[in-house]
């Protein structure tokens, strides 16, 4: 991809992220009495925490979570994985291809985990607090943790690549 396409990809990813972090997820938290939405729990959650959230969230916010938030979140995982891939290719272009491919795979698997999380959260939202099962929560919580872990590793690889590239550039000018 060329530089303009990479910048557009990063900008689209950032815009979707900001829409979620500044608008839709705070709206969900507000509709759940201040409790943190499942998407923002990188360490996962227990059955009691999930049940408390589902008991606190109002009907209008549940619909908002299932529709608006999940529609927005259809775009974000793919955009994030693509942005990470573009950044990793650029920042690690002098690195071993197998290593760069592994880093990209982390981002792609993070996106898969994010989509899995969304599907499993939807099941819990539809079930409500009374029909919630340990299996539902365990599956969603594991997907939340996998998303957070894999995306963090891919992002860390990108940061390391950027630092390596900056150091190389400074050395070549010095």
Protein backbone atom coordinates (compact mmCIF):
# COMPACT_ATOMS: atom_id res chain seq x y z
CA UNK A 1 0.00 0.00 0.00
CA UNK A 2 1.15 3.50 -0.64
CA UNK A 3 1.59 6.17 1.98
CA UNK A 4 -1.75 7.90 1.27
CA UNK A 5 -3.65 4.62 1.59
CA UNK A 6 -1.86 3.83 4.86
CA UNK A 7 -2.71 7.25 6.28
CA UNK A 8 -6.37 6.86 5.20
CA UNK A 9 -6.51 3.40 6.78
CA UNK A 10 -5.03 4.66 10.05
CA UNK A 11 -7.38 7.68 10.05
CA UNK A 12 -10.46 5.49 9.50
CA UNK A 13 -9.35 3.17 12.31
CA UNK A 14 -8.80 6.12 14.64
CA UNK A 15 -12.19 7.68 13.82
CA UNK A 16 -14.07 4.44 14.51
CA UNK A 17 -12.09 3.95 17.74
CA UNK A 18 -12.90 7.48 18.91
CA UNK A 19 -16.60 7.07 18.07
CA UNK A 20 -16.70 3.98 20.28
CA UNK A 21 -14.56 5.31 23.13
CA UNK A 22 -16.06 8.78 23.25
CA UNK A 23 -19.69 8.05 22.35
CA UNK A 24 -21.11 4.53 22.10
CA UNK A 25 -19.30 2.77 24.96
CA UNK A 26 -19.84 5.66 27.42
CA UNK A 27 -23.52 5.62 26.44
CA UNK A 28 -23.67 1.91 27.22
CA UNK A 29 -21.94 2.45 30.57
CA UNK A 30 -24.43 5.18 31.41
CA UNK A 31 -27.36 2.91 30.51
CA UNK A 32 -25.87 0.23 32.76
CA UNK A 33 -25.68 2.48 35.80
CA UNK A 34 -22.00 3.26 35.30
CA UNK A 35 -20.87 -0.35 34.94
CA UNK A 36 -18.14 -0.99 32.36
CA UNK A 37 -19.29 -2.61 29.07
CA UNK A 38 -17.92 -6.06 28.30
CA UNK A 39 -15.82 -4.67 25.43
CA UNK A 40 -13.76 -2.61 27.88
CA UNK A 41 -12.84 -5.45 30.24
CA UNK A 42 -9.49 -6.76 28.98
CA UNK A 43 -9.06 -8.97 32.05
CA UNK A 44 -12.39 -10.65 31.44
CA UNK A 45 -15.27 -10.91 33.88
CA UNK A 46 -16.90 -13.35 36.24
CA UNK A 47 -20.44 -14.69 36.12
CA UNK A 48 -21.39 -12.38 38.99
CA UNK A 49 -19.94 -9.35 37.16
CA UNK A 50 -21.72 -10.28 33.93
CA UNK A 51 -25.00 -10.86 35.76
CA UNK A 52 -24.66 -7.50 37.56
CA UNK A 53 -24.07 -5.72 34.25
CA UNK A 54 -27.02 -7.44 32.58
CA UNK A 55 -29.27 -6.66 35.54
CA UNK A 56 -28.23 -3.00 35.48
CA UNK A 57 -28.48 -2.30 31.75
CA UNK A 58 -31.81 -0.88 30.64
CA UNK A 59 -33.79 -2.22 27.67
CA UNK A 60 -33.05 0.75 25.39
CA UNK A 61 -29.32 0.45 26.02
CA UNK A 62 -29.41 -3.30 25.45
CA UNK A 63 -30.88 -2.66 22.00
CA UNK A 64 -28.26 0.06 21.40
CA UNK A 65 -25.47 -2.38 22.38
CA UNK A 66 -26.84 -5.12 20.09
CA UNK A 67 -27.41 -2.81 17.14
CA UNK A 68 -25.45 0.44 17.03
CA UNK A 69 -22.40 -0.66 19.04
CA UNK A 70 -22.08 -4.01 17.32
CA UNK A 71 -22.51 -2.41 13.89
CA UNK A 72 -19.72 0.05 14.63
CA UNK A 73 -17.66 -2.82 15.97
CA UNK A 74 -18.08 -4.70 12.69
CA UNK A 75 -15.64 -2.22 11.18
CA UNK A 76 -13.14 -1.72 13.96
CA UNK A 77 -11.49 -5.15 14.31
CA UNK A 78 -10.80 -5.43 10.58
CA UNK A 79 -9.58 -1.85 10.37
CA UNK A 80 -7.32 -2.32 13.38
CA UNK A 81 -5.85 -5.55 12.02
CA UNK A 82 -5.23 -3.89 8.64
CA UNK A 83 -3.68 -0.80 10.26
CA UNK A 84 -1.43 -2.95 12.42
CA UNK A 85 -0.43 -5.03 9.39
CA UNK A 86 0.44 -1.94 7.35
CA UNK A 87 2.39 -0.44 10.22
CA UNK A 88 4.21 -3.70 10.93
CA UNK A 89 5.19 -4.15 7.29
CA UNK A 90 6.51 -0.59 7.16
CA UNK A 91 8.29 -0.57 10.53
CA UNK A 92 9.78 -4.06 10.19
CA UNK A 93 10.57 -3.97 6.47
CA UNK A 94 14.19 -4.96 7.18
CA UNK A 95 13.12 -7.67 9.60
CA UNK A 96 12.70 -11.37 8.89
CA UNK A 97 9.54 -12.02 6.88
CA UNK A 98 8.51 -14.90 9.14
CA UNK A 99 8.68 -12.58 12.16
CA UNK A 100 6.65 -9.85 10.48
CA UNK A 101 4.13 -12.46 9.36
CA UNK A 102 3.86 -13.71 12.92
CA UNK A 103 3.24 -10.19 14.21
CA UNK A 104 0.57 -9.64 11.56
CA UNK A 105 -1.03 -12.96 12.50
CA UNK A 106 -1.33 -11.70 16.09
CA UNK A 107 -3.34 -8.70 14.85
CA UNK A 108 -5.56 -10.87 12.65
CA UNK A 109 -6.20 -13.32 15.50
CA UNK A 110 -7.00 -10.32 17.73
CA UNK A 111 -9.65 -9.27 15.20
CA UNK A 112 -11.07 -12.80 15.12
CA UNK A 113 -11.23 -12.77 18.92
CA UNK A 114 -12.97 -9.37 18.82
CA UNK A 115 -15.64 -10.67 16.43
CA UNK A 116 -16.01 -13.76 18.62
CA UNK A 117 -16.37 -11.54 21.68
CA UNK A 118 -19.10 -9.51 19.96
CA UNK A 119 -21.06 -12.64 19.06
CA UNK A 120 -20.76 -14.05 22.56
CA UNK A 121 -21.67 -10.74 24.22
CA UNK A 122 -24.76 -10.62 21.98
CA UNK A 123 -25.78 -14.05 23.29
CA UNK A 124 -25.43 -12.82 26.88
CA UNK A 125 -27.34 -9.59 26.18
CA UNK A 126 -30.21 -11.55 24.62
CA UNK A 127 -30.23 -14.05 27.48
CA UNK A 128 -30.37 -11.45 30.22
CA UNK A 129 -29.28 -11.94 33.83
CA UNK A 130 -31.72 -14.74 34.68
CA UNK A 131 -30.91 -17.05 31.76
CA UNK A 132 -27.16 -16.38 31.84
CA UNK A 133 -25.00 -19.50 32.15
CA UNK A 134 -21.46 -20.02 33.34
CA UNK A 135 -20.59 -21.34 29.87
CA UNK A 136 -21.86 -18.17 28.16
CA UNK A 137 -19.83 -15.93 30.42
CA UNK A 138 -16.73 -18.09 30.28
CA UNK A 139 -16.78 -18.13 26.47
CA UNK A 140 -17.31 -14.36 26.18
CA UNK A 141 -14.77 -13.55 28.87
CA UNK A 142 -12.10 -15.72 27.22
CA UNK A 143 -12.75 -14.00 23.90
CA UNK A 144 -12.41 -10.59 25.60
CA UNK A 145 -9.09 -11.59 27.14
CA UNK A 146 -7.82 -13.10 23.89
CA UNK A 147 -8.74 -9.95 21.98
CA UNK A 148 -6.92 -7.76 24.48
CA UNK A 149 -3.85 -9.97 24.71
CA UNK A 150 -3.38 -10.56 21.00
CA UNK A 151 -4.00 -6.95 20.05
CA UNK A 152 -1.62 -5.76 22.76
CA UNK A 153 1.13 -8.06 21.50
CA UNK A 154 0.66 -6.91 17.91
CA UNK A 155 0.68 -3.27 19.02
CA UNK A 156 3.81 -3.83 21.09
CA UNK A 157 5.49 -5.40 18.07
CA UNK A 158 4.57 -2.29 16.08
CA UNK A 159 6.00 0.02 18.75
CA UNK A 160 9.23 -2.00 18.84
CA UNK A 161 9.40 -1.82 15.04
CA UNK A 162 8.89 1.94 15.09
CA UNK A 163 11.62 2.37 17.70
CA UNK A 164 14.00 0.18 15.68
CA UNK A 165 13.28 2.18 12.56
CA UNK A 166 13.75 5.52 14.36
CA UNK A 167 17.06 4.36 15.86
CA UNK A 168 18.29 3.25 12.44
CA UNK A 169 17.33 6.60 10.97
CA UNK A 170 19.08 8.56 13.74
CA UNK A 171 22.25 6.46 13.33
CA UNK A 172 22.31 6.99 9.59
CA UNK A 173 22.13 10.77 10.03
CA UNK A 174 24.74 10.87 12.83
